[in-house]
């Protein structure tokens, strides 16, 4: 299980691996905005505070949309990020 904390909402839940963050946000009623759901608009940008290792690696869509600087600062696209490891993940709307 992965313990996911939504800082923007001051809420923590536990989820199984293989869960896309955007889907998780939709299913739990999160206030994370989204648009295209495929990595082109950047609306679902989040900032990972803790637990980057619980997520899939940054892909080309994210790198193109966010740029290397923001990726190094911990920004991700929720529509392109999937939980793949147990642990703790903490993020806020970016």
Protein backbone atom coordinates (compact mmCIF):
# COMPACT_ATOMS: atom_id res chain seq x y z
CA UNK A 1 0.00 0.00 0.00
CA UNK A 2 1.01 3.59 -0.58
CA UNK A 3 0.02 6.35 1.80
CA UNK A 4 -0.95 9.38 -0.32
CA UNK A 5 -1.24 12.83 1.23
CA UNK A 6 -2.97 15.64 -0.68
CA UNK A 7 -1.48 18.76 0.96
CA UNK A 8 -3.88 21.10 -0.87
CA UNK A 9 -6.80 19.29 0.79
CA UNK A 10 -5.14 18.26 4.07
CA UNK A 11 -6.19 14.65 3.43
CA UNK A 12 -4.41 11.28 3.50
CA UNK A 13 -5.56 7.96 2.03
CA UNK A 14 -4.01 4.56 1.38
CA UNK A 15 -4.09 3.05 -2.11
CA UNK A 16 -2.84 0.01 -3.99
CA UNK A 17 -0.06 0.24 -6.55
CA UNK A 18 -0.85 0.61 -10.26
CA UNK A 19 -3.05 3.64 -9.75
CA UNK A 20 -2.72 6.72 -11.98
CA UNK A 21 -2.72 9.89 -9.88
CA UNK A 22 -5.30 11.69 -11.99
CA UNK A 23 -7.67 8.71 -11.73
CA UNK A 24 -7.10 8.60 -7.98
CA UNK A 25 -7.89 12.31 -7.70
CA UNK A 26 -11.09 11.90 -9.73
CA UNK A 27 -12.23 8.86 -7.75
CA UNK A 28 -11.67 10.54 -4.39
CA UNK A 29 -13.23 13.89 -5.28
CA UNK A 30 -9.96 15.81 -5.22
CA UNK A 31 -9.89 19.48 -6.22
CA UNK A 32 -7.01 18.91 -8.65
CA UNK A 33 -7.99 20.56 -11.96
CA UNK A 34 -7.41 18.73 -15.23
CA UNK A 35 -8.04 19.25 -18.90
CA UNK A 36 -6.83 16.96 -21.65
CA UNK A 37 -5.83 13.88 -19.58
CA UNK A 38 -3.00 13.05 -22.00
CA UNK A 39 -0.12 15.30 -20.96
CA UNK A 40 -0.45 18.18 -23.39
CA UNK A 41 -2.26 20.92 -21.46
CA UNK A 42 -0.39 20.85 -18.12
CA UNK A 43 -3.52 21.66 -16.09
CA UNK A 44 -3.00 18.70 -13.73
CA UNK A 45 0.48 19.79 -12.66
CA UNK A 46 1.40 18.77 -9.12
CA UNK A 47 4.48 19.28 -6.97
CA UNK A 48 5.74 16.15 -5.28
CA UNK A 49 6.99 17.00 -1.80
CA UNK A 50 7.87 13.45 -0.76
CA UNK A 51 7.86 10.05 -2.45
CA UNK A 52 8.96 10.60 -6.03
CA UNK A 53 10.28 7.02 -5.92
CA UNK A 54 6.71 5.69 -5.57
CA UNK A 55 5.84 7.01 -9.05
CA UNK A 56 6.71 6.04 -12.59
CA UNK A 57 9.69 7.84 -14.07
CA UNK A 58 9.15 11.19 -15.79
CA UNK A 59 8.16 10.62 -19.41
CA UNK A 60 8.58 12.64 -22.60
CA UNK A 61 5.12 14.31 -22.31
CA UNK A 62 6.00 15.63 -18.85
CA UNK A 63 9.49 16.75 -19.81
CA UNK A 64 8.15 18.61 -22.87
CA UNK A 65 5.28 20.29 -20.98
CA UNK A 66 7.09 21.12 -17.72
CA UNK A 67 10.70 21.58 -18.83
CA UNK A 68 13.79 20.13 -17.16
CA UNK A 69 13.93 22.83 -14.47
CA UNK A 70 10.44 22.18 -13.13
CA UNK A 71 10.97 18.41 -13.36
CA UNK A 72 14.12 18.77 -11.21
CA UNK A 73 12.08 20.82 -8.71
CA UNK A 74 9.65 17.91 -8.31
CA UNK A 75 6.80 18.92 -10.60
CA UNK A 76 4.86 16.16 -12.37
CA UNK A 77 1.69 15.77 -14.43
CA UNK A 78 -0.90 13.73 -12.52
CA UNK A 79 -2.24 12.28 -15.78
CA UNK A 80 1.19 10.82 -16.56
CA UNK A 81 2.14 9.66 -13.05
CA UNK A 82 1.26 6.21 -11.80
CA UNK A 83 1.93 4.80 -8.33
CA UNK A 84 4.24 1.83 -8.85
CA UNK A 85 5.83 1.29 -5.42
CA UNK A 86 4.69 1.10 -1.82
CA UNK A 87 5.67 3.98 0.45
CA UNK A 88 4.57 7.52 1.18
CA UNK A 89 3.64 10.09 -1.44
CA UNK A 90 2.94 13.70 -0.56
CA UNK A 91 2.00 16.30 -3.15
CA UNK A 92 0.21 19.60 -3.66
CA UNK A 93 -1.49 21.21 -6.62
CA UNK A 94 1.16 22.87 -8.72
